[in-house]
PDB file of N, CA and C in Angstrom:
ATOM      1  N   MET A   1     -99.929 -94.531 -55.380  1.00  0.00           N
ATOM      2  CA  MET A   1     -98.500 -94.705 -54.986  1.00  0.00           C
ATOM      3  C   MET A   1     -97.532 -94.429 -56.024  1.00  0.00           C
ATOM      4  N   ALA A   2     -96.390 -93.768 -55.810  1.00  0.00           N
ATOM      5  CA  ALA A   2     -95.318 -93.432 -56.780  1.00  0.00           C
ATOM      6  C   ALA A   2     -94.586 -94.752 -57.191  1.00  0.00           C
ATOM      7  N   GLN A   3     -94.145 -94.661 -58.466  1.00  0.00           N
ATOM      8  CA  GLN A   3     -93.322 -95.921 -58.910  1.00  0.00           C
ATOM      9  C   GLN A   3     -91.871 -95.374 -59.213  1.00  0.00           C
ATOM     10  N   THR A   4     -91.000 -96.411 -59.283  1.00  0.00           N
ATOM     11  CA  THR A   4     -89.636 -96.087 -59.550  1.00  0.00           C
ATOM     12  C   THR A   4     -89.476 -96.020 -61.026  1.00  0.00           C
ATOM     13  N   HIS A   5     -88.271 -95.602 -61.529  1.00  0.00           N
ATOM     14  CA  HIS A   5     -88.115 -95.593 -63.071  1.00  0.00           C
ATOM     15  C   HIS A   5     -88.168 -97.046 -63.778  1.00  0.00           C
ATOM     16  N   VAL A   6     -88.201 -98.060 -62.932  1.00  0.00           N
ATOM     17  CA  VAL A   6     -88.422 -99.511 -63.500  1.00  0.00           C
ATOM     18  C   VAL A   6     -89.756 -99.876 -63.344  1.00  0.00           C
ATOM     19  N   GLY A   7     -90.588 -99.012 -62.852  1.00  0.00           N
ATOM     20  CA  GLY A   7     -92.059 -99.453 -62.611  1.00  0.00           C
ATOM     21  C   GLY A   7     -92.338-100.105 -61.317  1.00  0.00           C
ATOM     22  N   GLU A   8     -91.528-100.096 -60.551  1.00  0.00           N
ATOM     23  CA  GLU A   8     -91.693-100.830 -59.111  1.00  0.00           C
ATOM     24  C   GLU A   8     -92.229 -99.791 -58.253  1.00  0.00           C
ATOM     25  N   ARG A   9     -92.920-100.277 -57.065  1.00  0.00           N
ATOM     26  CA  ARG A   9     -93.612 -99.254 -56.187  1.00  0.00           C
ATOM     27  C   ARG A   9     -92.273 -98.692 -55.388  1.00  0.00           C
ATOM     28  N   CYS A  10     -92.364 -97.403 -55.105  1.00  0.00           N
ATOM     29  CA  CYS A  10     -91.397 -96.656 -54.378  1.00  0.00           C
ATOM     30  C   CYS A  10     -91.271 -97.245 -52.939  1.00  0.00           C
ATOM     31  N   GLN A  11     -90.089 -97.495 -52.443  1.00  0.00           N
ATOM     32  CA  GLN A  11     -89.973 -98.117 -51.074  1.00  0.00           C
ATOM     33  C   GLN A  11     -89.763 -97.146 -50.001  1.00  0.00           C
ATOM     34  N   VAL A  12     -89.618 -95.838 -50.283  1.00  0.00           N
ATOM     35  CA  VAL A  12     -89.318 -94.759 -49.318  1.00  0.00           C
ATOM     36  C   VAL A  12     -90.468 -94.582 -48.430  1.00  0.00           C
ATOM     37  N   ARG A  13     -90.315 -94.530 -47.088  1.00  0.00           N
ATOM     38  CA  ARG A  13     -91.352 -94.305 -46.125  1.00  0.00           C
ATOM     39  C   ARG A  13     -92.015 -92.929 -46.384  1.00  0.00           C
ATOM     40  N   VAL A  14     -93.330 -92.826 -46.197  1.00  0.00           N
ATOM     41  CA  VAL A  14     -94.135 -91.653 -46.452  1.00  0.00           C
ATOM     42  C   VAL A  14     -94.423 -91.075 -45.167  1.00  0.00           C
ATOM     43  N   LYS A  15     -94.203 -89.769 -44.977  1.00  0.00           N
ATOM     44  CA  LYS A  15     -94.723 -89.065 -43.766  1.00  0.00           C
ATOM     45  C   LYS A  15     -96.219 -89.300 -43.431  1.00  0.00           C
ATOM     46  N   ALA A  16     -96.523 -89.269 -42.228  1.00  0.00           N
ATOM     47  CA  ALA A  16     -97.906 -89.453 -41.730  1.00  0.00           C
ATOM     48  C   ALA A  16     -98.902 -88.466 -42.423  1.00  0.00           C
ATOM     49  N   GLY A  17     -99.957 -88.861 -43.010  1.00  0.00           N
ATOM     50  CA  GLY A  17    -100.899 -87.953 -43.715  1.00  0.00           C
ATOM     51  C   GLY A  17    -100.587 -87.582 -45.009  1.00  0.00           C
ATOM     52  N   ARG A  18     -99.399 -88.180 -45.644  1.00  0.00           N
ATOM     53  CA  ARG A  18     -99.062 -87.914 -47.066  1.00  0.00           C
ATOM     54  C   ARG A  18     -99.221 -89.252 -47.897  1.00  0.00           C
ATOM     55  N   THR A  19     -99.319 -88.916 -49.116  1.00  0.00           N
ATOM     56  CA  THR A  19     -99.560 -90.134 -49.967  1.00  0.00           C
ATOM     57  C   THR A  19     -98.144 -90.444 -50.820  1.00  0.00           C
ATOM     58  N   TYR A  20     -97.429 -89.455 -51.020  1.00  0.00           N
ATOM     59  CA  TYR A  20     -96.050 -89.608 -51.690  1.00  0.00           C
ATOM     60  C   TYR A  20     -94.842 -89.306 -50.829  1.00  0.00           C
ATOM     61  N   CYS A  21     -93.763 -89.891 -51.105  1.00  0.00           N
ATOM     62  CA  CYS A  21     -92.530 -89.542 -50.513  1.00  0.00           C
ATOM     63  C   CYS A  21     -92.253 -88.172 -51.051  1.00  0.00           C
ATOM     64  N   TYR A  22     -91.118 -87.495 -50.570  1.00  0.00           N
ATOM     65  CA  TYR A  22     -90.585 -86.354 -50.939  1.00  0.00           C
ATOM     66  C   TYR A  22     -90.251 -86.322 -52.442  1.00  0.00           C
ATOM     67  N   MET A  23     -89.525 -87.227 -52.857  1.00  0.00           N
ATOM     68  CA  MET A  23     -89.200 -87.194 -54.254  1.00  0.00           C
ATOM     69  C   MET A  23     -90.266 -87.379 -55.277  1.00  0.00           C
ATOM     70  N   HIS A  24     -91.343 -88.051 -54.913  1.00  0.00           N
ATOM     71  CA  HIS A  24     -92.417 -88.308 -55.832  1.00  0.00           C
ATOM     72  C   HIS A  24     -93.635 -87.378 -55.647  1.00  0.00           C
ATOM     73  N   ASP A  25     -93.585 -86.595 -54.556  1.00  0.00           N
ATOM     74  CA  ASP A  25     -94.728 -85.625 -54.356  1.00  0.00           C
ATOM     75  C   ASP A  25     -94.860 -84.564 -55.363  1.00  0.00           C
ATOM     76  N   PRO A  26     -96.048 -84.484 -55.993  1.00  0.00           N
ATOM     77  CA  PRO A  26     -96.127 -83.442 -57.064  1.00  0.00           C
ATOM     78  C   PRO A  26     -95.947 -82.024 -56.489  1.00  0.00           C
ATOM     79  N   GLU A  27     -96.198 -81.896 -55.136  1.00  0.00           N
ATOM     80  CA  GLU A  27     -96.152 -80.486 -54.531  1.00  0.00           C
ATOM     81  C   GLU A  27     -94.636 -80.196 -54.323  1.00  0.00           C
ATOM     82  N   THR A  28     -93.853 -81.116 -54.218  1.00  0.00           N
ATOM     83  CA  THR A  28     -92.320 -80.901 -54.002  1.00  0.00           C
ATOM     84  C   THR A  28     -91.548 -81.217 -55.131  1.00  0.00           C
ATOM     85  N   ALA A  29     -92.126 -81.411 -56.349  1.00  0.00           N
ATOM     86  CA  ALA A  29     -91.381 -81.772 -57.532  1.00  0.00           C
ATOM     87  C   ALA A  29     -90.267 -80.895 -57.957  1.00  0.00           C
ATOM     88  N   GLU A  30     -90.428 -79.658 -57.962  1.00  0.00           N
ATOM     89  CA  GLU A  30     -89.417 -78.713 -58.391  1.00  0.00           C
ATOM     90  C   GLU A  30     -88.374 -78.741 -57.361  1.00  0.00           C
ATOM     91  N   ALA A  31     -88.560 -78.688 -55.963  1.00  0.00           N
ATOM     92  CA  ALA A  31     -87.488 -78.876 -55.014  1.00  0.00           C
ATOM     93  C   ALA A  31     -86.735 -80.222 -55.183  1.00  0.00           C
ATOM     94  N   ALA A  32     -87.480 -81.380 -55.414  1.00  0.00           N
ATOM     95  CA  ALA A  32     -86.935 -82.614 -55.532  1.00  0.00           C
ATOM     96  C   ALA A  32     -85.913 -82.685 -56.573  1.00  0.00           C
ATOM     97  N   ALA A  33     -86.407 -82.063 -57.810  1.00  0.00           N
ATOM     98  CA  ALA A  33     -85.584 -82.022 -59.051  1.00  0.00           C
ATOM     99  C   ALA A  33     -84.218 -81.309 -58.784  1.00  0.00           C
ATOM    100  N   THR A  34     -84.325 -80.239 -57.986  1.00  0.00           N
ATOM    101  CA  THR A  34     -83.122 -79.328 -57.672  1.00  0.00           C
ATOM    102  C   THR A  34     -82.191 -80.289 -56.777  1.00  0.00           C
ATOM    103  N   ALA A  35     -82.780 -80.887 -55.903  1.00  0.00           N
ATOM    104  CA  ALA A  35     -81.925 -81.777 -54.940  1.00  0.00           C
ATOM    105  C   ALA A  35     -81.359 -82.939 -55.709  1.00  0.00           C
ATOM    106  N   ARG A  36     -82.063 -83.585 -56.612  1.00  0.00           N
ATOM    107  CA  ARG A  36     -81.389 -84.615 -57.486  1.00  0.00           C
ATOM    108  C   ARG A  36     -80.175 -84.066 -58.249  1.00  0.00           C
ATOM    109  N   GLN A  37     -80.547 -82.914 -58.833  1.00  0.00           N
ATOM    110  CA  GLN A  37     -79.383 -82.332 -59.710  1.00  0.00           C
ATOM    111  C   GLN A  37     -78.189 -82.014 -58.930  1.00  0.00           C
ATOM    112  N   LYS A  38     -78.318 -81.393 -57.632  1.00  0.00           N
ATOM    113  CA  LYS A  38     -77.322 -81.103 -56.861  1.00  0.00           C
ATOM    114  C   LYS A  38     -76.559 -82.492 -56.481  1.00  0.00           C
ATOM    115  N   GLY A  39     -77.273 -83.370 -56.201  1.00  0.00           N
ATOM    116  CA  GLY A  39     -76.673 -84.698 -55.720  1.00  0.00           C
ATOM    117  C   GLY A  39     -75.798 -85.241 -56.608  1.00  0.00           C
ATOM    118  N   GLY A  40     -76.297 -85.206 -58.018  1.00  0.00           N
ATOM    119  CA  GLY A  40     -75.396 -85.651 -58.956  1.00  0.00           C
ATOM    120  C   GLY A  40     -74.132 -85.036 -59.342  1.00  0.00           C
ATOM    121  N   LYS A  41     -74.156 -83.728 -59.117  1.00  0.00           N
ATOM    122  CA  LYS A  41     -72.935 -82.930 -59.337  1.00  0.00           C
ATOM    123  C   LYS A  41     -71.966 -83.217 -58.204  1.00  0.00           C
ATOM    124  N   HIS A  42     -72.361 -83.494 -57.109  1.00  0.00           N
ATOM    125  CA  HIS A  42     -71.429 -83.644 -55.961  1.00  0.00           C
ATOM    126  C   HIS A  42     -71.235 -85.018 -55.575  1.00  0.00           C
ATOM    127  N   ARG A  43     -71.830 -86.050 -56.138  1.00  0.00           N
ATOM    128  CA  ARG A  43     -71.635 -87.310 -55.616  1.00  0.00           C
ATOM    129  C   ARG A  43     -70.406 -87.987 -55.655  1.00  0.00           C
ATOM    130  N   ASN A  44     -69.563 -87.782 -56.702  1.00  0.00           N
ATOM    131  CA  ASN A  44     -68.249 -88.466 -56.952  1.00  0.00           C
ATOM    132  C   ASN A  44     -67.140 -87.519 -56.783  1.00  0.00           C
ATOM    133  N   ARG A  45     -67.358 -86.499 -56.243  1.00  0.00           N
ATOM    134  CA  ARG A  45     -66.157 -85.505 -56.127  1.00  0.00           C
ATOM    135  C   ARG A  45     -65.202 -86.051 -55.137  1.00  0.00           C
ATOM    136  N   PRO A  46     -63.905 -86.122 -55.640  1.00  0.00           N
ATOM    137  CA  PRO A  46     -62.827 -86.617 -54.842  1.00  0.00           C
ATOM    138  C   PRO A  46     -62.449 -85.787 -53.764  1.00  0.00           C
ATOM    139  N   ALA A  47     -61.878 -86.300 -52.574  1.00  0.00           N
ATOM    140  CA  ALA A  47     -61.484 -85.381 -51.453  1.00  0.00           C
ATOM    141  C   ALA A  47     -60.261 -84.695 -51.999  1.00  0.00           C
ATOM    142  N   PRO A  48     -60.156 -83.334 -51.446  1.00  0.00           N
ATOM    143  CA  PRO A  48     -59.109 -82.530 -51.828  1.00  0.00           C
ATOM    144  C   PRO A  48     -57.711 -83.270 -51.578  1.00  0.00           C
ATOM    145  N   ALA A  49     -56.840 -83.050 -52.585  1.00  0.00           N
ATOM    146  CA  ALA A  49     -55.471 -83.679 -52.448  1.00  0.00           C
ATOM    147  C   ALA A  49     -54.567 -82.744 -51.514  1.00  0.00           C
ATOM    148  N   LEU A  50     -53.675 -83.466 -50.900  1.00  0.00           N
ATOM    149  CA  LEU A  50     -52.679 -82.874 -50.053  1.00  0.00           C
ATOM    150  C   LEU A  50     -51.644 -81.991 -51.044  1.00  0.00           C
ATOM    151  N   PRO A  51     -51.158 -80.960 -50.292  1.00  0.00           N
ATOM    152  CA  PRO A  51     -50.155 -80.286 -51.188  1.00  0.00           C
ATOM    153  C   PRO A  51     -48.901 -81.133 -51.629  1.00  0.00           C
ATOM    154  N   VAL A  52     -48.357 -80.725 -52.671  1.00  0.00           N
ATOM    155  CA  VAL A  52     -47.204 -81.450 -53.133  1.00  0.00           C
ATOM    156  C   VAL A  52     -46.038 -80.555 -53.247  1.00  0.00           C
ATOM    157  N   ASP A  53     -44.870 -80.845 -52.588  1.00  0.00           N
ATOM    158  CA  ASP A  53     -43.648 -80.201 -52.471  1.00  0.00           C
ATOM    159  C   ASP A  53     -42.853 -80.506 -53.662  1.00  0.00           C
ATOM    160  N   LEU A  54     -42.682 -79.526 -54.641  1.00  0.00           N
ATOM    161  CA  LEU A  54     -41.804 -79.746 -55.775  1.00  0.00           C
ATOM    162  C   LEU A  54     -40.419 -78.895 -55.740  1.00  0.00           C
ATOM    163  N   SER A  55     -40.055 -78.554 -54.487  1.00  0.00           N
ATOM    164  CA  SER A  55     -38.780 -77.808 -54.314  1.00  0.00           C
ATOM    165  C   SER A  55     -37.531 -78.338 -54.721  1.00  0.00           C
ATOM    166  N   THR A  56     -37.407 -79.671 -54.918  1.00  0.00           N
ATOM    167  CA  THR A  56     -36.166 -80.241 -55.276  1.00  0.00           C
ATOM    168  C   THR A  56     -36.334 -81.335 -56.415  1.00  0.00           C
ATOM    169  N   PRO A  57     -35.365 -81.608 -57.106  1.00  0.00           N
ATOM    170  CA  PRO A  57     -35.528 -82.576 -58.304  1.00  0.00           C
ATOM    171  C   PRO A  57     -35.998 -83.878 -57.695  1.00  0.00           C
ATOM    172  N   GLU A  58     -35.594 -84.370 -56.553  1.00  0.00           N
ATOM    173  CA  GLU A  58     -35.860 -85.640 -55.907  1.00  0.00           C
ATOM    174  C   GLU A  58     -37.453 -85.657 -55.614  1.00  0.00           C
ATOM    175  N   LEU A  59     -37.894 -84.471 -55.045  1.00  0.00           N
ATOM    176  CA  LEU A  59     -39.383 -84.542 -54.696  1.00  0.00           C
ATOM    177  C   LEU A  59     -40.103 -84.413 -55.955  1.00  0.00           C
ATOM    178  N   GLN A  60     -39.693 -83.726 -57.067  1.00  0.00           N
ATOM    179  CA  GLN A  60     -40.406 -83.819 -58.318  1.00  0.00           C
ATOM    180  C   GLN A  60     -40.452 -85.236 -58.816  1.00  0.00           C
ATOM    181  N   ARG A  61     -39.342 -86.006 -58.813  1.00  0.00           N
ATOM    182  CA  ARG A  61     -39.315 -87.429 -59.214  1.00  0.00           C
ATOM    183  C   ARG A  61     -40.321 -88.248 -58.510  1.00  0.00           C
ATOM    184  N   LEU A  62     -40.308 -87.957 -57.075  1.00  0.00           N
ATOM    185  CA  LEU A  62     -41.239 -88.613 -56.145  1.00  0.00           C
ATOM    186  C   LEU A  62     -42.737 -88.366 -56.601  1.00  0.00           C
ATOM    187  N   ALA A  63     -42.914 -87.072 -56.842  1.00  0.00           N
ATOM    188  CA  ALA A  63     -44.313 -86.682 -57.208  1.00  0.00           C
ATOM    189  C   ALA A  63     -44.837 -87.331 -58.367  1.00  0.00           C
ATOM    190  N   ILE A  64     -43.962 -87.416 -59.560  1.00  0.00           N
ATOM    191  CA  ILE A  64     -44.265 -88.178 -60.674  1.00  0.00           C
ATOM    192  C   ILE A  64     -44.466 -89.696 -60.510  1.00  0.00           C
ATOM    193  N   GLN A  65     -43.486 -90.284 -59.707  1.00  0.00           N
ATOM    194  CA  GLN A  65     -43.609 -91.663 -59.404  1.00  0.00           C
ATOM    195  C   GLN A  65     -44.877 -92.070 -58.725  1.00  0.00           C
ATOM    196  N   GLU A  66     -45.188 -91.190 -57.653  1.00  0.00           N
ATOM    197  CA  GLU A  66     -46.393 -91.685 -56.874  1.00  0.00           C
ATOM    198  C   GLU A  66     -47.567 -91.489 -57.798  1.00  0.00           C
ATOM    199  N   THR A  67     -47.670 -90.460 -58.515  1.00  0.00           N
ATOM    200  CA  THR A  67     -48.804 -90.189 -59.299  1.00  0.00           C
ATOM    201  C   THR A  67     -48.928 -91.383 -60.398  1.00  0.00           C
ATOM    202  N   ILE A  68     -47.794 -91.784 -60.999  1.00  0.00           N
ATOM    203  CA  ILE A  68     -47.887 -92.748 -62.017  1.00  0.00           C
ATOM    204  C   ILE A  68     -48.516 -94.109 -61.238  1.00  0.00           C
ATOM    205  N   ASP A  69     -48.112 -94.352 -60.001  1.00  0.00           N
ATOM    206  CA  ASP A  69     -48.511 -95.535 -59.310  1.00  0.00           C
ATOM    207  C   ASP A  69     -49.964 -95.488 -59.042  1.00  0.00           C
ATOM    208  N   ARG A  70     -50.454 -94.179 -58.572  1.00  0.00           N
ATOM    209  CA  ARG A  70     -51.906 -94.020 -58.320  1.00  0.00           C
ATOM    210  C   ARG A  70     -52.745 -94.076 -59.669  1.00  0.00           C
ATOM    211  N   VAL A  71     -52.203 -93.641 -60.729  1.00  0.00           N
ATOM    212  CA  VAL A  71     -53.046 -93.815 -62.102  1.00  0.00           C
ATOM    213  C   VAL A  71     -52.966 -95.240 -62.440  1.00  0.00           C
ATOM    214  N   ARG A  72     -51.927 -95.987 -62.325  1.00  0.00           N
ATOM    215  CA  ARG A  72     -52.005 -97.415 -62.607  1.00  0.00           C
ATOM    216  C   ARG A  72     -52.838 -98.253 -61.893  1.00  0.00           C
ATOM    217  N   ARG A  73     -52.928 -97.869 -60.558  1.00  0.00           N
ATOM    218  CA  ARG A  73     -53.773 -98.651 -59.782  1.00  0.00           C
ATOM    219  C   ARG A  73     -55.221 -98.188 -59.951  1.00  0.00           C
ATOM    220  N   GLY A  74     -55.515 -97.151 -60.597  1.00  0.00           N
ATOM    221  CA  GLY A  74     -56.942 -96.657 -60.761  1.00  0.00           C
ATOM    222  C   GLY A  74     -57.435 -95.785 -59.689  1.00  0.00           C
ATOM    223  N   ASP A  75     -56.494 -95.474 -58.910  1.00  0.00           N
ATOM    224  CA  ASP A  75     -56.891 -94.481 -57.808  1.00  0.00           C
ATOM    225  C   ASP A  75     -57.097 -93.016 -58.116  1.00  0.00           C
ATOM    226  N   GLU A  76     -56.439 -92.780 -59.297  1.00  0.00           N
ATOM    227  CA  GLU A  76     -56.277 -91.327 -59.968  1.00  0.00           C
ATOM    228  C   GLU A  76     -56.537 -91.444 -61.376  1.00  0.00           C
ATOM    229  N   PRO A  77     -57.381 -90.260 -61.882  1.00  0.00           N
ATOM    230  CA  PRO A  77     -57.601 -90.463 -63.249  1.00  0.00           C
ATOM    231  C   PRO A  77     -56.257 -90.157 -64.008  1.00  0.00           C
ATOM    232  N   LEU A  78     -56.352 -90.535 -65.414  1.00  0.00           N
ATOM    233  CA  LEU A  78     -55.149 -90.269 -66.217  1.00  0.00           C
ATOM    234  C   LEU A  78     -54.878 -88.750 -66.343  1.00  0.00           C
ATOM    235  N   ASN A  79     -55.991 -87.913 -66.428  1.00  0.00           N
ATOM    236  CA  ASN A  79     -55.711 -86.560 -66.589  1.00  0.00           C
ATOM    237  C   ASN A  79     -55.030 -85.795 -65.340  1.00  0.00           C
ATOM    238  N   MET A  80     -55.218 -86.410 -64.194  1.00  0.00           N
ATOM    239  CA  MET A  80     -54.442 -85.917 -62.954  1.00  0.00           C
ATOM    240  C   MET A  80     -52.935 -86.331 -63.174  1.00  0.00           C
ATOM    241  N   GLY A  81     -52.747 -87.539 -63.741  1.00  0.00           N
ATOM    242  CA  GLY A  81     -51.345 -87.778 -63.968  1.00  0.00           C
ATOM    243  C   GLY A  81     -50.665 -86.866 -64.908  1.00  0.00           C
ATOM    244  N   ARG A  82     -51.263 -86.578 -65.938  1.00  0.00           N
ATOM    245  CA  ARG A  82     -50.876 -85.654 -66.969  1.00  0.00           C
ATOM    246  C   ARG A  82     -50.648 -84.145 -66.286  1.00  0.00           C
ATOM    247  N   PHE A  83     -51.437 -83.781 -65.437  1.00  0.00           N
ATOM    248  CA  PHE A  83     -51.462 -82.481 -64.823  1.00  0.00           C
ATOM    249  C   PHE A  83     -50.132 -82.552 -63.981  1.00  0.00           C
ATOM    250  N   VAL A  84     -49.882 -83.490 -63.174  1.00  0.00           N
ATOM    251  CA  VAL A  84     -48.817 -83.527 -62.184  1.00  0.00           C
ATOM    252  C   VAL A  84     -47.501 -83.430 -63.060  1.00  0.00           C
ATOM    253  N   VAL A  85     -47.425 -84.241 -64.214  1.00  0.00           N
ATOM    254  CA  VAL A  85     -46.282 -84.245 -65.037  1.00  0.00           C
ATOM    255  C   VAL A  85     -45.968 -82.786 -65.511  1.00  0.00           C
ATOM    256  N   TYR A  86     -47.161 -82.132 -65.940  1.00  0.00           N
ATOM    257  CA  TYR A  86     -46.973 -80.848 -66.499  1.00  0.00           C
ATOM    258  C   TYR A  86     -46.577 -79.864 -65.490  1.00  0.00           C
ATOM    259  N   ALA A  87     -47.153 -79.960 -64.198  1.00  0.00           N
ATOM    260  CA  ALA A  87     -46.744 -79.021 -63.123  1.00  0.00           C
ATOM    261  C   ALA A  87     -45.190 -79.239 -62.909  1.00  0.00           C
ATOM    262  N   VAL A  88     -44.695 -80.369 -62.765  1.00  0.00           N
ATOM    263  CA  VAL A  88     -43.295 -80.531 -62.561  1.00  0.00           C
ATOM    264  C   VAL A  88     -42.442 -79.937 -63.734  1.00  0.00           C
ATOM    265  N   SER A  89     -43.009 -80.124 -64.875  1.00  0.00           N
ATOM    266  CA  SER A  89     -42.233 -79.584 -66.118  1.00  0.00           C
ATOM    267  C   SER A  89     -42.160 -78.070 -65.986  1.00  0.00           C
ATOM    268  N   LEU A  90     -43.090 -77.436 -65.383  1.00  0.00           N
ATOM    269  CA  LEU A  90     -43.178 -75.976 -65.060  1.00  0.00           C
ATOM    270  C   LEU A  90     -42.168 -75.672 -63.814  1.00  0.00           C
ATOM    271  N   ALA A  91     -42.337 -76.408 -62.952  1.00  0.00           N
ATOM    272  CA  ALA A  91     -41.537 -76.232 -61.633  1.00  0.00           C
ATOM    273  C   ALA A  91     -40.078 -76.238 -61.827  1.00  0.00           C
ATOM    274  N   ARG A  92     -39.634 -77.164 -62.744  1.00  0.00           N
ATOM    275  CA  ARG A  92     -38.147 -77.347 -62.885  1.00  0.00           C
ATOM    276  C   ARG A  92     -37.448 -76.172 -63.306  1.00  0.00           C
ATOM    277  N   PRO A  93     -37.798 -75.596 -64.449  1.00  0.00           N
ATOM    278  CA  PRO A  93     -37.075 -74.308 -64.782  1.00  0.00           C
ATOM    279  C   PRO A  93     -37.129 -73.067 -63.822  1.00  0.00           C
ATOM    280  N   ILE A  94     -38.295 -73.141 -63.147  1.00  0.00           N
ATOM    281  CA  ILE A  94     -38.337 -72.109 -62.141  1.00  0.00           C
ATOM    282  C   ILE A  94     -37.300 -72.278 -60.930  1.00  0.00           C
ATOM    283  N   LEU A  95     -37.201 -73.439 -60.578  1.00  0.00           N
ATOM    284  CA  LEU A  95     -36.175 -73.811 -59.514  1.00  0.00           C
ATOM    285  C   LEU A  95     -34.769 -73.595 -60.033  1.00  0.00           C
ATOM    286  N   GLU A  96     -34.432 -73.831 -61.339  1.00  0.00           N
ATOM    287  CA  GLU A  96     -33.128 -73.564 -61.951  1.00  0.00           C
ATOM    288  C   GLU A  96     -32.813 -72.074 -61.946  1.00  0.00           C
ATOM    289  N   LEU A  97     -33.861 -71.450 -62.311  1.00  0.00           N
ATOM    290  CA  LEU A  97     -33.623 -69.791 -62.333  1.00  0.00           C
ATOM    291  C   LEU A  97     -33.446 -69.404 -60.892  1.00  0.00           C
ATOM    292  N   GLU A  98     -34.137 -69.814 -59.877  1.00  0.00           N
ATOM    293  CA  GLU A  98     -34.016 -69.431 -58.478  1.00  0.00           C
ATOM    294  C   GLU A  98     -32.481 -69.662 -58.072  1.00  0.00           C
ATOM    295  N   SER A  99     -32.016 -70.921 -58.324  1.00  0.00           N
ATOM    296  CA  SER A  99     -30.525 -71.244 -58.118  1.00  0.00           C
ATOM    297  C   SER A  99     -29.545 -70.403 -58.718  1.00  0.00           C
ATOM    298  N   LEU A 100     -29.733 -69.976 -60.066  1.00  0.00           N
ATOM    299  CA  LEU A 100     -29.005 -69.167 -60.803  1.00  0.00           C
ATOM    300  C   LEU A 100     -29.074 -67.780 -60.171  1.00  0.00           C
ATOM    301  N   VAL A 101     -30.100 -67.223 -59.615  1.00  0.00           N
ATOM    302  CA  VAL A 101     -30.197 -65.901 -59.120  1.00  0.00           C
ATOM    303  C   VAL A 101     -29.522 -65.960 -57.844  1.00  0.00           C
ATOM    304  N   GLU A 102     -29.625 -67.070 -56.881  1.00  0.00           N
ATOM    305  CA  GLU A 102     -28.861 -67.049 -55.750  1.00  0.00           C
ATOM    306  C   GLU A 102     -27.393 -67.069 -56.040  1.00  0.00           C
ATOM    307  N   ARG A 103     -26.820 -67.832 -56.997  1.00  0.00           N
ATOM    308  CA  ARG A 103     -25.486 -67.800 -57.279  1.00  0.00           C
ATOM    309  C   ARG A 103     -24.951 -66.531 -57.826  1.00  0.00           C
ATOM    310  N   ILE A 104     -25.812 -65.855 -58.618  1.00  0.00           N
ATOM    311  CA  ILE A 104     -25.319 -64.465 -59.116  1.00  0.00           C
ATOM    312  C   ILE A 104     -25.191 -63.472 -57.984  1.00  0.00           C
ATOM    313  N   VAL A 105     -26.192 -63.526 -57.028  1.00  0.00           N
ATOM    314  CA  VAL A 105     -26.193 -62.582 -55.963  1.00  0.00           C
ATOM    315  C   VAL A 105     -25.010 -62.910 -55.106  1.00  0.00           C
ATOM    316  N   ALA A 106     -24.595 -64.118 -54.868  1.00  0.00           N
ATOM    317  CA  ALA A 106     -23.422 -64.561 -54.066  1.00  0.00           C
ATOM    318  C   ALA A 106     -22.122 -64.003 -54.843  1.00  0.00           C
ATOM    319  N   LEU A 107     -22.029 -64.187 -56.124  1.00  0.00           N
ATOM    320  CA  LEU A 107     -20.925 -63.771 -56.907  1.00  0.00           C
ATOM    321  C   LEU A 107     -20.743 -62.261 -56.947  1.00  0.00           C
ATOM    322  N   GLU A 108     -21.947 -61.563 -56.935  1.00  0.00           N
ATOM    323  CA  GLU A 108     -21.831 -60.051 -56.883  1.00  0.00           C
ATOM    324  C   GLU A 108     -21.513 -59.534 -55.512  1.00  0.00           C
ATOM    325  N   ALA A 109     -21.866 -60.230 -54.467  1.00  0.00           N
ATOM    326  CA  ALA A 109     -21.516 -59.921 -53.074  1.00  0.00           C
ATOM    327  C   ALA A 109     -19.965 -60.104 -52.892  1.00  0.00           C
ATOM    328  N   GLN A 110     -19.368 -61.269 -53.625  1.00  0.00           N
ATOM    329  CA  GLN A 110     -18.057 -61.458 -53.441  1.00  0.00           C
ATOM    330  C   GLN A 110     -17.192 -60.371 -54.198  1.00  0.00           C
ATOM    331  N   ALA A 111     -17.664 -60.105 -55.468  1.00  0.00           N
ATOM    332  CA  ALA A 111     -16.945 -59.129 -56.237  1.00  0.00           C
ATOM    333  C   ALA A 111     -17.055 -57.673 -55.674  1.00  0.00           C
ATOM    334  N   GLY A 112     -18.175 -57.355 -55.066  1.00  0.00           N
ATOM    335  CA  GLY A 112     -18.188 -56.018 -54.244  1.00  0.00           C
ATOM    336  C   GLY A 112     -17.363 -56.119 -53.109  1.00  0.00           C
ATOM    337  N   ALA A 113     -17.168 -57.104 -52.413  1.00  0.00           N
ATOM    338  CA  ALA A 113     -16.296 -57.184 -51.236  1.00  0.00           C
ATOM    339  C   ALA A 113     -14.750 -56.984 -51.553  1.00  0.00           C
ATOM    340  N   LYS A 114     -14.448 -57.497 -52.747  1.00  0.00           N
ATOM    341  CA  LYS A 114     -13.016 -57.343 -53.284  1.00  0.00           C
ATOM    342  C   LYS A 114     -12.778 -56.020 -53.764  1.00  0.00           C
ATOM    343  N   ALA A 115     -13.766 -55.265 -54.270  1.00  0.00           N
ATOM    344  CA  ALA A 115     -13.533 -53.889 -54.934  1.00  0.00           C
ATOM    345  C   ALA A 115     -13.245 -52.928 -53.953  1.00  0.00           C
TER     346      ALA A 115
END
């Protein structure tokens, strides 16, 4: 019978007519190793995050605030907090440029109407 990594007998039920469970069977060793490897890679994968709206300064502030709260509670890793702050720092100048473009277009339309 197969043993666990601590030397105890494997507790997994064995299929009728078999001596070993799937994970300890020498005939399935390669497939079992691949399954263990895949399981380890996907075991602690977090659920996909919901989209974050950064279209206004207030929404940016809320995104940072909520992320800080999640990081402090331990619900979110520190690197995610850093990522959100970085994303907001990139979004802010883009929003400012969009606002300037809108204002310029409006001023040009006004100037064109007067000419």
